[in-house]
Amino acid sequence: MSTDSQNILSNFNALPEFEQREVAAEILRRASQWDNGPLTDKQLAQGADELFVELDQRGEGDLLPPDEWIAEFHRWTRSHTIHNPNLDVSRESIYDGRGE
């Protein structure tokens, strides 16, 4: 990691928690615009493993409540969105020709 990146993380850690959340949300919003392609099963498993390890390292007293853990996991999955302009997931395309 570059010195600039380390400085950004150091400055991020110095922010109050509410500002860290705002900055993190903005970074995730921007990163979700990148075309990362579909996630493989291996990538999903690796991401889940990393999240579990991080949660384990926090210790029992620092565990997130279930709703916060789910929100954290959803933030992670949204950071790996699929951008495929050829994929039509509209109701019309899914049920086309079924008499609806």
Foldseek 3Di string as FASTA:
>chain_A
DDPVVVVVVVVLVPDPPVVNVVVVVVVLVVLLPDAQADDDPVRVVVVVVVLVVVQVVCPPVPHDDPVVSVVVVVSVVSSNDHDDPVDDPDPCVVCPPVPD
